N, C-alpha and C. Protein backbone atom coordinates (compact mmCIF):
# COMPACT_ATOMS: atom_id res chain seq x y z
N MET A 1 0.72 -1.24 -0.13
CA MET A 1 0.40 -0.10 -0.22
C MET A 1 0.77 1.18 0.22
N LYS A 2 0.37 2.17 -0.91
CA LYS A 2 1.23 3.60 -0.68
C LYS A 2 0.69 4.21 -0.36
N TYR A 3 -0.70 4.65 0.06
CA TYR A 3 -0.94 5.72 0.71
C TYR A 3 -2.63 5.31 1.86
N LYS A 4 -2.90 5.68 2.51
CA LYS A 4 -4.47 5.49 3.02
C LYS A 4 -5.26 6.72 3.27
N LEU A 5 -6.13 6.68 3.68
CA LEU A 5 -7.32 7.62 3.53
C LEU A 5 -7.31 7.87 5.47
N THR A 6 -7.15 9.23 5.61
CA THR A 6 -6.99 9.65 6.80
C THR A 6 -8.03 9.93 7.62
N LYS A 7 -8.22 10.04 8.86
CA LYS A 7 -9.52 10.78 9.46
C LYS A 7 -10.06 11.90 8.96
N ASN A 8 -9.20 12.86 8.61
CA ASN A 8 -9.40 14.08 7.92
C ASN A 8 -10.66 14.59 7.32
N LYS A 9 -11.48 15.05 6.81
CA LYS A 9 -12.70 14.77 6.23
C LYS A 9 -13.48 16.12 5.71
N LYS A 10 -13.53 16.18 4.41
CA LYS A 10 -14.48 16.80 3.77
C LYS A 10 -16.21 17.05 3.49
N THR A 11 -17.54 17.73 3.26
CA THR A 11 -18.45 16.77 2.44
C THR A 11 -18.09 17.90 1.59
N ILE A 12 -18.52 17.79 0.20
CA ILE A 12 -18.70 18.08 -0.55
C ILE A 12 -20.03 17.34 -1.25
N LYS A 13 -21.13 18.09 -1.79
CA LYS A 13 -22.51 17.64 -2.36
C LYS A 13 -22.79 16.33 -1.55
N GLU A 14 -22.85 16.55 0.06
CA GLU A 14 -22.86 15.43 0.32
C GLU A 14 -22.36 13.97 0.28
N ILE A 15 -21.48 14.52 -0.08
CA ILE A 15 -20.28 12.94 -0.16
C ILE A 15 -19.10 13.67 0.83
N THR A 16 -18.36 12.41 1.32
CA THR A 16 -17.30 12.36 2.19
C THR A 16 -15.91 12.51 1.83
N LEU A 17 -15.56 13.37 1.52
CA LEU A 17 -13.91 13.14 1.04
C LEU A 17 -12.99 13.11 2.59
N TYR A 18 -12.01 11.93 1.76
CA TYR A 18 -11.03 11.89 2.80
C TYR A 18 -9.60 12.63 2.14
N GLN A 19 -8.74 12.94 3.25
CA GLN A 19 -7.36 13.60 2.99
C GLN A 19 -6.58 12.19 2.93
N ILE A 20 -5.54 11.72 1.93
CA ILE A 20 -5.10 10.82 1.86
C ILE A 20 -2.85 10.76 2.44
N GLU A 21 -2.75 9.97 3.10
CA GLU A 21 -1.42 10.13 3.85
C GLU A 21 -0.79 9.41 2.76
N ALA A 22 0.42 9.39 2.52
CA ALA A 22 1.50 8.14 2.18
C ALA A 22 2.24 7.34 2.85
N LEU A 23 1.96 6.37 2.72
CA LEU A 23 2.48 5.31 3.91
C LEU A 23 4.23 4.98 3.15
N LYS A 24 4.82 5.32 2.04
CA LYS A 24 5.99 5.22 1.49
C LYS A 24 6.31 6.45 0.60
N ASP A 25 7.99 6.41 0.32
CA ASP A 25 8.65 7.03 -0.65
C ASP A 25 7.95 6.65 -1.88
N PHE A 26 7.63 7.37 -2.88
CA PHE A 26 7.76 7.02 -4.25
C PHE A 26 7.57 8.90 -5.34
N SER A 27 8.25 8.43 -6.21
CA SER A 27 8.27 9.36 -7.11
C SER A 27 8.97 10.55 -5.61
N ASP A 28 8.68 11.77 -5.78
CA ASP A 28 8.37 13.02 -5.63
C ASP A 28 7.64 13.29 -4.00
N ILE A 29 7.24 12.09 -3.53
CA ILE A 29 6.52 12.10 -2.20
C ILE A 29 7.03 11.19 -1.45
N LYS A 30 7.15 11.58 -0.22
CA LYS A 30 7.43 11.37 0.61
C LYS A 30 6.64 10.30 1.52
N LYS A 31 7.05 9.43 2.62
CA LYS A 31 6.28 9.01 3.82
C LYS A 31 5.98 10.08 4.67
N GLY A 32 4.27 9.89 4.81
CA GLY A 32 4.14 11.14 5.74
C GLY A 32 3.38 12.25 4.95
N ASP A 33 3.80 12.24 3.84
CA ASP A 33 2.92 13.35 3.51
C ASP A 33 1.36 13.59 2.81
N LEU A 34 0.92 14.60 3.40
CA LEU A 34 -0.46 14.46 2.96
C LEU A 34 -0.65 15.12 1.74
N GLY A 35 -1.65 14.76 1.12
CA GLY A 35 -2.46 14.42 0.01
C GLY A 35 -3.67 15.09 -0.42
N GLY A 36 -4.04 15.11 -1.72
CA GLY A 36 -5.56 15.69 -1.81
C GLY A 36 -6.63 14.92 -0.84
N TRP A 37 -7.95 14.97 -1.78
CA TRP A 37 -9.27 14.35 -0.88
C TRP A 37 -9.76 13.41 -2.31
N ILE A 38 -9.76 11.87 -1.90
CA ILE A 38 -10.61 11.29 -2.45
C ILE A 38 -11.78 10.51 -1.75
N GLU A 39 -12.61 10.36 -2.16
CA GLU A 39 -13.96 9.54 -1.26
C GLU A 39 -13.78 8.73 -0.79
N LYS A 40 -13.10 7.35 -1.85
CA LYS A 40 -12.56 5.97 -1.67
C LYS A 40 -11.49 5.60 -1.89
N GLU A 41 -10.77 4.56 -1.70
CA GLU A 41 -9.85 4.16 -2.41
C GLU A 41 -9.46 3.32 -3.76
N SER A 42 -10.50 3.61 -4.61
CA SER A 42 -10.70 2.99 -5.81
C SER A 42 -10.93 3.94 -6.57
N ASN A 43 -10.98 5.38 -6.52
CA ASN A 43 -10.64 6.73 -6.74
C ASN A 43 -9.31 6.80 -7.14
N LEU A 44 -8.12 6.17 -6.48
CA LEU A 44 -6.66 6.41 -6.76
C LEU A 44 -6.02 4.76 -6.91
N SER A 45 -5.39 4.85 -7.62
CA SER A 45 -4.45 3.25 -7.54
C SER A 45 -3.47 3.09 -6.80
N GLN A 46 -3.34 2.09 -5.91
CA GLN A 46 -2.06 1.70 -5.23
C GLN A 46 -0.97 1.54 -6.14
N GLN A 47 -0.67 1.69 -7.26
CA GLN A 47 -0.07 0.99 -7.78
C GLN A 47 0.71 2.60 -8.84
N GLY A 48 1.66 1.93 -9.45
CA GLY A 48 2.38 3.43 -10.27
C GLY A 48 2.61 4.41 -9.15
N ASP A 49 2.72 5.36 -9.71
CA ASP A 49 3.29 6.71 -8.85
C ASP A 49 2.18 8.12 -9.09
N CYS A 50 1.00 7.48 -9.60
CA CYS A 50 -0.23 8.21 -9.30
C CYS A 50 -0.12 9.15 -8.09
N TRP A 51 -1.04 10.54 -7.98
CA TRP A 51 -0.92 10.80 -6.63
C TRP A 51 -2.10 11.91 -6.63
N VAL A 52 -2.97 12.22 -5.57
CA VAL A 52 -3.99 13.55 -5.58
C VAL A 52 -2.83 14.48 -4.79
N SER A 53 -2.96 15.98 -4.80
CA SER A 53 -2.41 16.69 -3.57
C SER A 53 -3.10 17.76 -4.04
N CYS A 54 -2.43 18.75 -2.90
CA CYS A 54 -3.27 20.14 -2.59
C CYS A 54 -4.36 19.92 -2.10
N ARG A 55 -5.30 20.40 -2.82
CA ARG A 55 -6.70 20.60 -2.55
C ARG A 55 -7.69 20.23 -3.51
N ALA A 56 -6.84 19.35 -4.56
CA ALA A 56 -7.71 18.84 -5.43
C ALA A 56 -8.60 17.26 -4.70
N ARG A 57 -9.43 16.93 -5.81
CA ARG A 57 -10.73 16.17 -5.61
C ARG A 57 -10.84 14.92 -6.20
N VAL A 58 -10.91 13.79 -5.75
CA VAL A 58 -11.58 13.05 -6.85
C VAL A 58 -12.17 12.07 -5.97
N TYR A 59 -13.88 12.15 -6.76
CA TYR A 59 -14.56 11.10 -6.07
C TYR A 59 -15.43 10.42 -7.56
N GLY A 60 -16.57 9.99 -6.72
CA GLY A 60 -17.71 8.91 -7.59
C GLY A 60 -17.21 7.97 -8.04
N ARG A 61 -16.91 7.50 -9.50
CA ARG A 61 -16.74 6.48 -10.16
C ARG A 61 -14.97 7.36 -10.92
N ALA A 62 -14.84 7.75 -10.20
CA ALA A 62 -13.62 8.26 -11.21
C ALA A 62 -12.43 7.89 -10.59
N MET A 63 -11.69 7.34 -11.69
CA MET A 63 -10.18 6.93 -11.40
C MET A 63 -9.17 7.70 -11.57
N VAL A 64 -7.91 7.75 -10.87
CA VAL A 64 -6.36 8.12 -11.50
C VAL A 64 -5.85 7.23 -10.93
N PHE A 65 -5.35 6.76 -11.61
CA PHE A 65 -4.06 5.59 -12.08
C PHE A 65 -2.63 5.87 -12.60
N GLY A 66 -1.80 4.94 -13.04
CA GLY A 66 -0.61 4.92 -13.59
C GLY A 66 0.36 5.98 -13.02
N ASN A 67 0.49 6.85 -14.13
CA ASN A 67 1.64 7.87 -12.91
C ASN A 67 1.19 9.58 -13.21
N ALA A 68 -0.08 9.23 -13.22
CA ALA A 68 -1.15 10.70 -13.08
C ALA A 68 -1.36 11.14 -12.19
N ARG A 69 -1.28 12.71 -12.33
CA ARG A 69 -1.34 13.79 -11.21
C ARG A 69 -2.36 14.16 -11.25
N VAL A 70 -3.13 14.32 -10.03
CA VAL A 70 -4.45 15.43 -9.88
C VAL A 70 -3.82 16.45 -8.75
N SER A 71 -3.60 17.67 -8.99
CA SER A 71 -3.44 18.80 -8.06
C SER A 71 -3.99 20.02 -8.00
N GLY A 72 -3.50 20.46 -7.22
CA GLY A 72 -3.80 22.41 -7.03
C GLY A 72 -5.44 22.20 -6.68
N ASP A 73 -6.60 23.12 -6.90
CA ASP A 73 -8.17 23.18 -6.89
C ASP A 73 -8.75 22.13 -8.40
N ALA A 74 -7.88 21.08 -8.65
CA ALA A 74 -8.31 20.28 -9.69
C ALA A 74 -9.56 19.56 -9.20
N TRP A 75 -10.84 18.84 -9.79
CA TRP A 75 -11.43 18.34 -9.51
C TRP A 75 -11.50 17.35 -10.79
N VAL A 76 -11.65 16.01 -10.25
CA VAL A 76 -11.96 14.56 -11.16
C VAL A 76 -12.64 13.77 -10.61
N TYR A 77 -13.99 13.65 -11.39
CA TYR A 77 -15.09 12.86 -11.14
C TYR A 77 -16.27 12.39 -11.92
N GLY A 78 -17.30 12.02 -11.42
CA GLY A 78 -18.46 10.94 -12.21
C GLY A 78 -17.50 9.65 -12.43
N ARG A 79 -17.63 9.54 -13.71
CA ARG A 79 -16.67 8.18 -14.06
C ARG A 79 -15.46 8.93 -14.93
N ALA A 80 -15.02 9.54 -14.86
CA ALA A 80 -13.80 10.06 -15.72
C ALA A 80 -12.43 9.24 -15.10
N ARG A 81 -11.54 8.85 -15.74
CA ARG A 81 -10.35 8.66 -15.83
C ARG A 81 -9.33 9.25 -16.14
N VAL A 82 -8.03 9.71 -15.18
CA VAL A 82 -6.62 10.25 -15.35
C VAL A 82 -5.77 9.45 -15.65
N TYR A 83 -4.94 8.98 -16.31
CA TYR A 83 -3.96 7.98 -16.46
C TYR A 83 -2.96 8.36 -17.27
N GLY A 84 -1.86 7.06 -17.10
CA GLY A 84 -0.38 7.31 -17.95
C GLY A 84 -0.20 8.70 -17.27
N ASP A 85 0.72 9.40 -18.00
CA ASP A 85 1.92 10.31 -17.08
C ASP A 85 0.97 11.84 -17.35
N ALA A 86 -0.63 11.74 -16.94
CA ALA A 86 -1.24 13.27 -17.43
C ALA A 86 -0.98 13.80 -15.89
N TRP A 87 -1.35 14.70 -16.12
CA TRP A 87 -1.38 16.24 -15.17
C TRP A 87 -2.92 16.88 -14.77
N VAL A 88 -3.96 16.93 -14.07
CA VAL A 88 -4.76 17.94 -14.24
C VAL A 88 -4.45 18.98 -12.93
N TYR A 89 -4.31 19.84 -13.37
CA TYR A 89 -3.87 20.81 -12.39
C TYR A 89 -5.06 22.25 -12.59
N GLY A 90 -4.53 23.05 -11.43
CA GLY A 90 -4.75 24.40 -11.12
C GLY A 90 -6.49 24.41 -10.91
N ARG A 91 -7.55 24.73 -11.40
CA ARG A 91 -9.25 24.59 -10.74
C ARG A 91 -9.70 23.88 -12.03
N ALA A 92 -9.08 23.74 -12.80
CA ALA A 92 -9.14 22.84 -13.88
C ALA A 92 -10.47 21.19 -13.60
N MET A 93 -10.98 20.69 -14.57
CA MET A 93 -12.02 19.38 -13.96
C MET A 93 -12.51 18.60 -14.90
N VAL A 94 -12.15 17.67 -14.83
CA VAL A 94 -12.51 16.52 -15.72
C VAL A 94 -13.41 15.58 -15.19
N PHE A 95 -14.75 15.38 -15.94
CA PHE A 95 -15.49 14.43 -15.47
C PHE A 95 -16.79 13.89 -16.30
N GLY A 96 -17.63 12.93 -16.02
CA GLY A 96 -18.43 12.44 -16.58
C GLY A 96 -17.84 11.60 -17.14
N ASN A 97 -17.87 10.85 -18.49
CA ASN A 97 -17.32 9.90 -18.99
C ASN A 97 -15.90 10.37 -19.79
N ALA A 98 -15.06 10.98 -19.43
CA ALA A 98 -14.15 11.56 -20.05
C ALA A 98 -13.01 11.03 -19.99
N ARG A 99 -11.89 10.77 -20.61
CA ARG A 99 -10.69 10.17 -20.34
C ARG A 99 -9.53 11.08 -21.05
N VAL A 100 -8.69 11.51 -19.93
CA VAL A 100 -7.24 12.16 -20.26
C VAL A 100 -5.85 11.32 -19.76
N SER A 101 -5.65 10.91 -20.82
CA SER A 101 -4.36 9.89 -20.52
C SER A 101 -2.92 10.77 -21.53
N GLY A 102 -2.15 9.90 -21.12
CA GLY A 102 -0.49 9.93 -22.40
C GLY A 102 0.09 10.87 -21.43
N ASN A 103 0.39 12.24 -21.96
CA ASN A 103 1.44 12.87 -21.21
C ASN A 103 0.41 14.52 -21.41
N VAL A 104 -0.72 14.42 -21.62
CA VAL A 104 -1.43 15.37 -21.11
C VAL A 104 -1.30 16.28 -19.84
N ARG A 105 -1.67 17.65 -20.31
CA ARG A 105 -2.08 18.56 -19.46
C ARG A 105 -2.99 19.29 -19.50
N VAL A 106 -3.79 18.93 -18.31
CA VAL A 106 -5.21 20.01 -18.27
C VAL A 106 -5.10 21.10 -17.71
N SER A 107 -5.38 22.33 -17.75
CA SER A 107 -4.37 23.33 -16.59
C SER A 107 -5.24 24.61 -16.26
N GLY A 108 -5.71 25.58 -15.59
CA GLY A 108 -6.04 26.52 -15.65
C GLY A 108 -7.55 26.20 -15.30
N ASP A 109 -8.65 27.25 -15.97
CA ASP A 109 -10.33 26.69 -15.89
C ASP A 109 -11.15 26.00 -17.07
N ALA A 110 -10.22 24.97 -17.30
CA ALA A 110 -10.14 24.13 -18.13
C ALA A 110 -11.00 23.09 -17.98
N TRP A 111 -11.89 22.64 -19.02
CA TRP A 111 -13.30 21.44 -18.75
C TRP A 111 -12.85 20.78 -19.37
N VAL A 112 -12.95 18.83 -19.29
CA VAL A 112 -12.87 17.97 -19.83
C VAL A 112 -13.96 16.90 -19.59
N TYR A 113 -14.87 17.04 -20.22
CA TYR A 113 -15.82 16.14 -19.74
C TYR A 113 -16.90 15.71 -20.73
N GLY A 114 -17.98 14.98 -20.47
CA GLY A 114 -19.08 14.29 -21.71
C GLY A 114 -17.97 12.84 -21.98
N ARG A 115 -18.13 12.86 -22.68
CA ARG A 115 -17.17 11.56 -23.11
C ARG A 115 -16.08 11.73 -24.21
N ALA A 116 -15.47 12.89 -23.56
CA ALA A 116 -14.54 13.64 -24.73
C ALA A 116 -12.99 12.44 -24.08
N GLU A 117 -11.88 12.44 -25.30
CA GLU A 117 -10.78 12.10 -25.03
C GLU A 117 -9.98 13.03 -25.27
N VAL A 118 -8.84 13.07 -24.21
CA VAL A 118 -7.42 14.00 -24.36
C VAL A 118 -6.54 13.35 -24.18
N THR A 119 -5.59 12.86 -25.52
CA THR A 119 -4.25 11.91 -25.51
C THR A 119 -3.07 12.28 -25.93
N GLY A 120 -2.33 11.71 -25.96
CA GLY A 120 -0.45 12.23 -26.16
C GLY A 120 -0.49 13.26 -25.71
N ASP A 121 0.26 14.28 -26.26
CA ASP A 121 1.05 15.36 -25.78
C ASP A 121 0.21 16.50 -25.52
N ALA A 122 -0.66 16.32 -25.74
CA ALA A 122 -1.88 17.54 -26.45
C ALA A 122 -2.07 18.41 -24.42
N ARG A 123 -2.74 19.87 -25.11
CA ARG A 123 -2.83 20.38 -23.76
C ARG A 123 -4.14 20.56 -23.74
N VAL A 124 -5.11 21.34 -22.98
CA VAL A 124 -6.23 22.04 -22.38
C VAL A 124 -6.02 23.02 -21.76
N SER A 125 -6.18 24.41 -21.91
CA SER A 125 -6.02 25.16 -20.84
C SER A 125 -6.38 26.32 -20.69
N GLY A 126 -6.55 27.62 -19.87
CA GLY A 126 -7.06 28.88 -19.74
C GLY A 126 -8.86 28.16 -19.49
N ASN A 127 -9.63 28.91 -20.46
CA ASN A 127 -11.27 28.54 -20.22
C ASN A 127 -11.51 27.25 -20.82
N ALA A 128 -10.82 26.64 -21.51
CA ALA A 128 -11.46 25.98 -22.84
C ALA A 128 -12.19 24.64 -22.10
N ARG A 129 -13.15 24.30 -22.96
CA ARG A 129 -14.00 23.22 -23.11
C ARG A 129 -14.14 22.30 -23.92
N VAL A 130 -13.79 21.17 -23.66
CA VAL A 130 -13.81 19.64 -24.53
C VAL A 130 -14.73 19.15 -23.88
N SER A 131 -15.58 18.77 -24.56
CA SER A 131 -17.36 17.66 -24.53
C SER A 131 -17.52 17.10 -25.27
N GLY A 132 -18.61 16.52 -25.40
CA GLY A 132 -19.04 15.62 -26.04
C GLY A 132 -18.35 14.47 -26.24
N ASP A 133 -18.03 14.14 -27.56
CA ASP A 133 -17.68 13.30 -28.43
C ASP A 133 -16.16 13.80 -28.91
N ALA A 134 -15.86 14.46 -28.45
CA ALA A 134 -14.16 15.00 -28.59
C ALA A 134 -13.17 14.19 -28.64
N TRP A 135 -12.07 14.43 -29.41
CA TRP A 135 -10.82 13.20 -29.44
C TRP A 135 -9.97 14.50 -29.57
N VAL A 136 -9.24 15.00 -28.44
CA VAL A 136 -8.37 16.21 -28.61
C VAL A 136 -6.57 15.38 -28.47
N TYR A 137 -6.18 15.23 -29.62
CA TYR A 137 -4.63 14.47 -29.49
C TYR A 137 -3.41 14.87 -30.04
N GLY A 138 -2.30 14.53 -29.71
CA GLY A 138 -1.44 14.29 -30.77
C GLY A 138 -0.62 15.69 -29.86
N ARG A 139 -0.57 16.45 -30.82
CA ARG A 139 0.72 17.84 -29.97
C ARG A 139 -0.42 19.33 -29.95
N ALA A 140 -1.68 18.86 -29.98
CA ALA A 140 -3.00 19.92 -29.74
C ALA A 140 -2.88 20.52 -28.70
N MET A 141 -3.22 21.87 -29.13
CA MET A 141 -3.28 22.44 -27.86
C MET A 141 -4.79 23.56 -27.97
N VAL A 142 -5.14 23.47 -26.56
CA VAL A 142 -6.95 23.87 -27.19
C VAL A 142 -6.92 24.81 -26.02
N PHE A 143 -6.87 26.57 -25.38
CA PHE A 143 -6.69 27.13 -25.15
C PHE A 143 -7.48 28.19 -24.96
N GLY A 144 -7.45 29.04 -24.01
CA GLY A 144 -8.06 30.37 -24.02
C GLY A 144 -9.59 29.93 -24.13
N ASN A 145 -10.53 30.51 -24.45
CA ASN A 145 -12.01 30.33 -24.49
C ASN A 145 -12.67 29.33 -25.30
N ALA A 146 -11.26 28.50 -25.79
CA ALA A 146 -11.87 27.76 -27.24
C ALA A 146 -12.87 26.12 -26.07
N ILE A 147 -14.13 26.39 -27.31
CA ILE A 147 -14.88 24.62 -27.19
C ILE A 147 -14.85 24.19 -28.09
N ILE A 148 -14.52 23.01 -28.01
CA ILE A 148 -14.32 21.69 -28.82
C ILE A 148 -15.75 20.49 -28.50
N ASN A 149 -16.44 20.23 -29.09
CA ASN A 149 -17.32 19.45 -28.77
C ASN A 149 -17.78 18.70 -30.23
């Protein structure tokens, strides 16, 4: 086991989230480091170097795995998946059935939702929205107030 749920908790939308604590050193995380907030262990894999930090929240049936990171004030929820070496940070949100994978960065106030997929080395930032059945891949950059659906 690489982390545990602590007794520190907060309630969001009638859902109880628990702060996580690292049980061992891995990547740049040290044993005893407090992380972000998850609803249950199925939200964050015990394998790989994935981590939720700062004030970030992961809940519902959402999953973070591989070497993915969720940090800052980011939210991942619903049935969303964040994996590979992806990083979701700032006030970004990934929700619904969205998939974020590869070396993707979702940042700022960006949203990826619906059944959208963002993969490869793509970047989604600013106030950008990627939704519906959209597929953003390769080295694509979606930023500013862009809307792709």
